[in-house]
């Protein structure tokens, strides 16, 4: 009796979770979803911007193909499916444009940060005597980098 109950329970569990495993993957899988928050340097921002631009070009190409396909088709059901695909592509294109705008803002911020840091280093280089500069360098070492 316990074996039957256990096997029925296991079957129910597997049947409920199999839908999640077989779910459709998002469109960006394999292409690397743009994650703007992880960008740390201007170079990374520029490469990400190039990737976004390439993906936008691909989407434009797909939209043109779908519109041509829709013009050739006379079947209403297929046209509805093509309309849905076109709408999804246009939404993805809008999302990429928004990501590109955020990336440009982040890139400007990174450039400002780099300029401020270099300006601060130039100011510190001209301050005080050599012994004072050495003391300042010793005090500015990070505590977790004790081996330096």
C-alpha atoms as a PDB file:
ATOM      1  CA  UNK A   1       0.000   0.000   0.000  1.00  0.00           C
ATOM      2  CA  UNK A   2       2.821   2.391   0.885  1.00  0.00           C
ATOM      3  CA  UNK A   3       4.608   1.612  -2.366  1.00  0.00           C
ATOM      4  CA  UNK A   4       1.523   2.511  -4.394  1.00  0.00           C
ATOM      5  CA  UNK A   5       1.001   5.772  -2.487  1.00  0.00           C
ATOM      6  CA  UNK A   6       4.669   6.644  -2.859  1.00  0.00           C
ATOM      7  CA  UNK A   7       4.681   5.919  -6.588  1.00  0.00           C
ATOM      8  CA  UNK A   8       1.469   7.939  -7.146  1.00  0.00           C
ATOM      9  CA  UNK A   9       2.923  10.854  -5.192  1.00  0.00           C
ATOM     10  CA  UNK A  10       6.164  10.701  -7.139  1.00  0.00           C
ATOM     11  CA  UNK A  11       4.253  10.563 -10.432  1.00  0.00           C
ATOM     12  CA  UNK A  12       2.205  13.640  -9.474  1.00  0.00           C
ATOM     13  CA  UNK A  13       5.321  15.532  -8.458  1.00  0.00           C
ATOM     14  CA  UNK A  14       7.108  14.727 -11.707  1.00  0.00           C
ATOM     15  CA  UNK A  15       4.092  15.591 -13.844  1.00  0.00           C
ATOM     16  CA  UNK A  16       3.730  18.977 -12.139  1.00  0.00           C
ATOM     17  CA  UNK A  17       7.398  19.922 -12.468  1.00  0.00           C
ATOM     18  CA  UNK A  18       7.873  18.681 -16.026  1.00  0.00           C
ATOM     19  CA  UNK A  19       6.000  21.710 -17.385  1.00  0.00           C
ATOM     20  CA  UNK A  20       8.521  24.051 -15.832  1.00  0.00           C
ATOM     21  CA  UNK A  21      11.435  22.116 -17.250  1.00  0.00           C
ATOM     22  CA  UNK A  22       9.947  22.071 -20.743  1.00  0.00           C
ATOM     23  CA  UNK A  23       9.016  25.777 -20.665  1.00  0.00           C
ATOM     24  CA  UNK A  24       9.940  27.996 -23.576  1.00  0.00           C
ATOM     25  CA  UNK A  25      13.252  29.756 -23.180  1.00  0.00           C
ATOM     26  CA  UNK A  26      13.475  33.560 -23.405  1.00  0.00           C
ATOM     27  CA  UNK A  27      14.593  35.081 -26.709  1.00  0.00           C
ATOM     28  CA  UNK A  28      17.911  36.323 -25.305  1.00  0.00           C
ATOM     29  CA  UNK A  29      19.176  32.897 -24.199  1.00  0.00           C
ATOM     30  CA  UNK A  30      22.497  32.180 -25.869  1.00  0.00           C
ATOM     31  CA  UNK A  31      22.983  35.766 -26.947  1.00  0.00           C
ATOM     32  CA  UNK A  32      23.866  37.148 -23.535  1.00  0.00           C
ATOM     33  CA  UNK A  33      21.245  39.363 -21.965  1.00  0.00           C
ATOM     34  CA  UNK A  34      22.530  42.906 -21.671  1.00  0.00           C
ATOM     35  CA  UNK A  35      23.043  43.664 -17.998  1.00  0.00           C
ATOM     36  CA  UNK A  36      24.021  47.295 -17.720  1.00  0.00           C
ATOM     37  CA  UNK A  37      24.599  47.224 -13.973  1.00  0.00           C
ATOM     38  CA  UNK A  38      27.598  44.902 -14.384  1.00  0.00           C
ATOM     39  CA  UNK A  39      29.477  47.313 -16.676  1.00  0.00           C
ATOM     40  CA  UNK A  40      32.548  48.661 -14.882  1.00  0.00           C
ATOM     41  CA  UNK A  41      34.645  50.287 -17.618  1.00  0.00           C
ATOM     42  CA  UNK A  42      34.099  52.443 -20.667  1.00  0.00           C
ATOM     43  CA  UNK A  43      35.489  49.687 -22.905  1.00  0.00           C
ATOM     44  CA  UNK A  44      32.921  47.192 -21.611  1.00  0.00           C
ATOM     45  CA  UNK A  45      30.196  49.749 -22.222  1.00  0.00           C
ATOM     46  CA  UNK A  46      31.365  50.268 -25.796  1.00  0.00           C
ATOM     47  CA  UNK A  47      31.465  46.536 -26.552  1.00  0.00           C
ATOM     48  CA  UNK A  48      28.016  46.093 -25.041  1.00  0.00           C
ATOM     49  CA  UNK A  49      26.732  48.979 -27.137  1.00  0.00           C
ATOM     50  CA  UNK A  50      28.126  47.308 -30.274  1.00  0.00           C
ATOM     51  CA  UNK A  51      26.382  44.050 -29.325  1.00  0.00           C
ATOM     52  CA  UNK A  52      23.096  45.872 -28.793  1.00  0.00           C
ATOM     53  CA  UNK A  53      23.487  47.586 -32.152  1.00  0.00           C
ATOM     54  CA  UNK A  54      24.096  44.234 -33.894  1.00  0.00           C
ATOM     55  CA  UNK A  55      21.019  42.726 -32.244  1.00  0.00           C
ATOM     56  CA  UNK A  56      18.915  45.721 -33.305  1.00  0.00           C
ATOM     57  CA  UNK A  57      20.079  45.199 -36.898  1.00  0.00           C
ATOM     58  CA  UNK A  58      19.129  41.510 -36.683  1.00  0.00           C
ATOM     59  CA  UNK A  59      15.685  42.438 -35.380  1.00  0.00           C
ATOM     60  CA  UNK A  60      15.204  44.977 -38.181  1.00  0.00           C
ATOM     61  CA  UNK A  61      16.098  42.275 -40.704  1.00  0.00           C
ATOM     62  CA  UNK A  62      13.624  39.841 -39.110  1.00  0.00           C
ATOM     63  CA  UNK A  63      10.878  42.481 -39.108  1.00  0.00           C
ATOM     64  CA  UNK A  64      11.409  43.099 -42.831  1.00  0.00           C
ATOM     65  CA  UNK A  65      11.265  39.364 -43.536  1.00  0.00           C
ATOM     66  CA  UNK A  66       8.071  38.946 -41.505  1.00  0.00           C
ATOM     67  CA  UNK A  67       6.411  41.880 -43.278  1.00  0.00           C
ATOM     68  CA  UNK A  68       7.329  40.403 -46.666  1.00  0.00           C
ATOM     69  CA  UNK A  69       5.983  37.028 -45.561  1.00  0.00           C
ATOM     70  CA  UNK A  70       2.768  38.658 -44.390  1.00  0.00           C
ATOM     71  CA  UNK A  71       2.338  40.441 -47.724  1.00  0.00           C
ATOM     72  CA  UNK A  72       2.735  37.140 -49.597  1.00  0.00           C
ATOM     73  CA  UNK A  73       0.378  35.155 -47.331  1.00  0.00           C
ATOM     74  CA  UNK A  74      -3.346  35.314 -47.873  1.00  0.00           C
ATOM     75  CA  UNK A  75      -4.275  32.949 -45.047  1.00  0.00           C
ATOM     76  CA  UNK A  76      -5.727  34.830 -42.062  1.00  0.00           C
ATOM     77  CA  UNK A  77      -4.487  32.461 -39.351  1.00  0.00           C
ATOM     78  CA  UNK A  78      -0.903  32.609 -40.552  1.00  0.00           C
ATOM     79  CA  UNK A  79      -1.128  36.400 -40.741  1.00  0.00           C
ATOM     80  CA  UNK A  80      -2.291  36.505 -37.119  1.00  0.00           C
ATOM     81  CA  UNK A  81       0.710  34.428 -36.101  1.00  0.00           C
ATOM     82  CA  UNK A  82       3.023  36.688 -38.098  1.00  0.00           C
ATOM     83  CA  UNK A  83       1.425  39.752 -36.470  1.00  0.00           C
ATOM     84  CA  UNK A  84       2.159  38.304 -33.032  1.00  0.00           C
ATOM     85  CA  UNK A  85       5.764  37.619 -34.013  1.00  0.00           C
ATOM     86  CA  UNK A  86       6.120  41.145 -35.405  1.00  0.00           C
ATOM     87  CA  UNK A  87       4.751  42.623 -32.201  1.00  0.00           C
ATOM     88  CA  UNK A  88       7.182  40.588 -30.090  1.00  0.00           C
ATOM     89  CA  UNK A  89      10.110  41.679 -32.266  1.00  0.00           C
ATOM     90  CA  UNK A  90       9.112  45.330 -32.013  1.00  0.00           C
ATOM     91  CA  UNK A  91       8.834  45.058 -28.217  1.00  0.00           C
ATOM     92  CA  UNK A  92      12.305  43.524 -28.070  1.00  0.00           C
ATOM     93  CA  UNK A  93      13.630  46.326 -30.261  1.00  0.00           C
ATOM     94  CA  UNK A  94      12.130  48.953 -27.927  1.00  0.00           C
ATOM     95  CA  UNK A  95      13.680  47.213 -24.920  1.00  0.00           C
ATOM     96  CA  UNK A  96      17.069  47.225 -26.646  1.00  0.00           C
ATOM     97  CA  UNK A  97      16.738  50.935 -27.401  1.00  0.00           C
ATOM     98  CA  UNK A  98      15.981  51.640 -23.733  1.00  0.00           C
ATOM     99  CA  UNK A  99      18.977  49.540 -22.692  1.00  0.00           C
ATOM    100  CA  UNK A 100      21.147  51.445 -25.142  1.00  0.00           C
ATOM    101  CA  UNK A 101      20.044  54.781 -23.647  1.00  0.00           C
ATOM    102  CA  UNK A 102      20.837  53.552 -20.119  1.00  0.00           C
ATOM    103  CA  UNK A 103      24.194  52.323 -21.347  1.00  0.00           C
ATOM    104  CA  UNK A 104      25.051  55.714 -22.824  1.00  0.00           C
ATOM    105  CA  UNK A 105      24.191  57.390 -19.506  1.00  0.00           C
ATOM    106  CA  UNK A 106      26.331  54.862 -17.634  1.00  0.00           C
ATOM    107  CA  UNK A 107      29.192  55.424 -20.086  1.00  0.00           C
ATOM    108  CA  UNK A 108      29.046  59.188 -19.482  1.00  0.00           C
ATOM    109  CA  UNK A 109      29.153  58.576 -15.733  1.00  0.00           C
ATOM    110  CA  UNK A 110      32.146  56.267 -16.064  1.00  0.00           C
ATOM    111  CA  UNK A 111      33.999  58.852 -18.142  1.00  0.00           C
ATOM    112  CA  UNK A 112      33.290  61.546 -15.538  1.00  0.00           C
ATOM    113  CA  UNK A 113      34.476  59.215 -12.778  1.00  0.00           C
ATOM    114  CA  UNK A 114      37.692  58.472 -14.668  1.00  0.00           C
ATOM    115  CA  UNK A 115      38.321  62.194 -15.245  1.00  0.00           C
ATOM    116  CA  UNK A 116      37.771  63.020 -11.559  1.00  0.00           C
ATOM    117  CA  UNK A 117      40.113  60.259 -10.451  1.00  0.00           C
ATOM    118  CA  UNK A 118      42.903  61.345 -12.786  1.00  0.00           C
ATOM    119  CA  UNK A 119      42.435  64.967 -11.707  1.00  0.00           C
ATOM    120  CA  UNK A 120      42.631  63.946  -8.051  1.00  0.00           C
ATOM    121  CA  UNK A 121      45.830  61.983  -8.687  1.00  0.00           C
ATOM    122  CA  UNK A 122      47.386  64.993 -10.410  1.00  0.00           C
ATOM    123  CA  UNK A 123      46.464  67.229  -7.488  1.00  0.00           C
ATOM    124  CA  UNK A 124      47.896  64.793  -4.951  1.00  0.00           C
ATOM    125  CA  UNK A 125      51.112  64.377  -6.926  1.00  0.00           C
ATOM    126  CA  UNK A 126      51.980  68.045  -6.528  1.00  0.00           C
ATOM    127  CA  UNK A 127      51.217  68.319  -2.810  1.00  0.00           C
ATOM    128  CA  UNK A 128      53.802  68.401  -0.073  1.00  0.00           C
ATOM    129  CA  UNK A 129      57.296  67.092   0.271  1.00  0.00           C
ATOM    130  CA  UNK A 130      58.516  63.663  -0.726  1.00  0.00           C
ATOM    131  CA  UNK A 131      58.327  62.347   2.820  1.00  0.00           C
ATOM    132  CA  UNK A 132      54.771  63.622   3.151  1.00  0.00           C
ATOM    133  CA  UNK A 133      53.821  61.916  -0.094  1.00  0.00           C
ATOM    134  CA  UNK A 134      55.361  58.659   1.104  1.00  0.00           C
ATOM    135  CA  UNK A 135      53.422  58.849   4.378  1.00  0.00           C
ATOM    136  CA  UNK A 136      50.212  59.541   2.462  1.00  0.00           C
ATOM    137  CA  UNK A 137      50.845  56.516   0.219  1.00  0.00           C
ATOM    138  CA  UNK A 138      51.431  54.300   3.263  1.00  0.00           C
ATOM    139  CA  UNK A 139      48.219  55.484   4.888  1.00  0.00           C
ATOM    140  CA  UNK A 140      46.204  55.101   1.708  1.00  0.00           C
ATOM    141  CA  UNK A 141      47.017  51.406   1.324  1.00  0.00           C
ATOM    142  CA  UNK A 142      43.998  49.192   1.738  1.00  0.00           C
ATOM    143  CA  UNK A 143      43.936  47.209   4.969  1.00  0.00           C
ATOM    144  CA  UNK A 144      42.993  43.994   3.184  1.00  0.00           C
ATOM    145  CA  UNK A 145      46.061  44.240   0.928  1.00  0.00           C
ATOM    146  CA  UNK A 146      48.473  43.641   3.795  1.00  0.00           C
ATOM    147  CA  UNK A 147      51.017  41.804   1.611  1.00  0.00           C
ATOM    148  CA  UNK A 148      51.954  44.940  -0.328  1.00  0.00           C
END
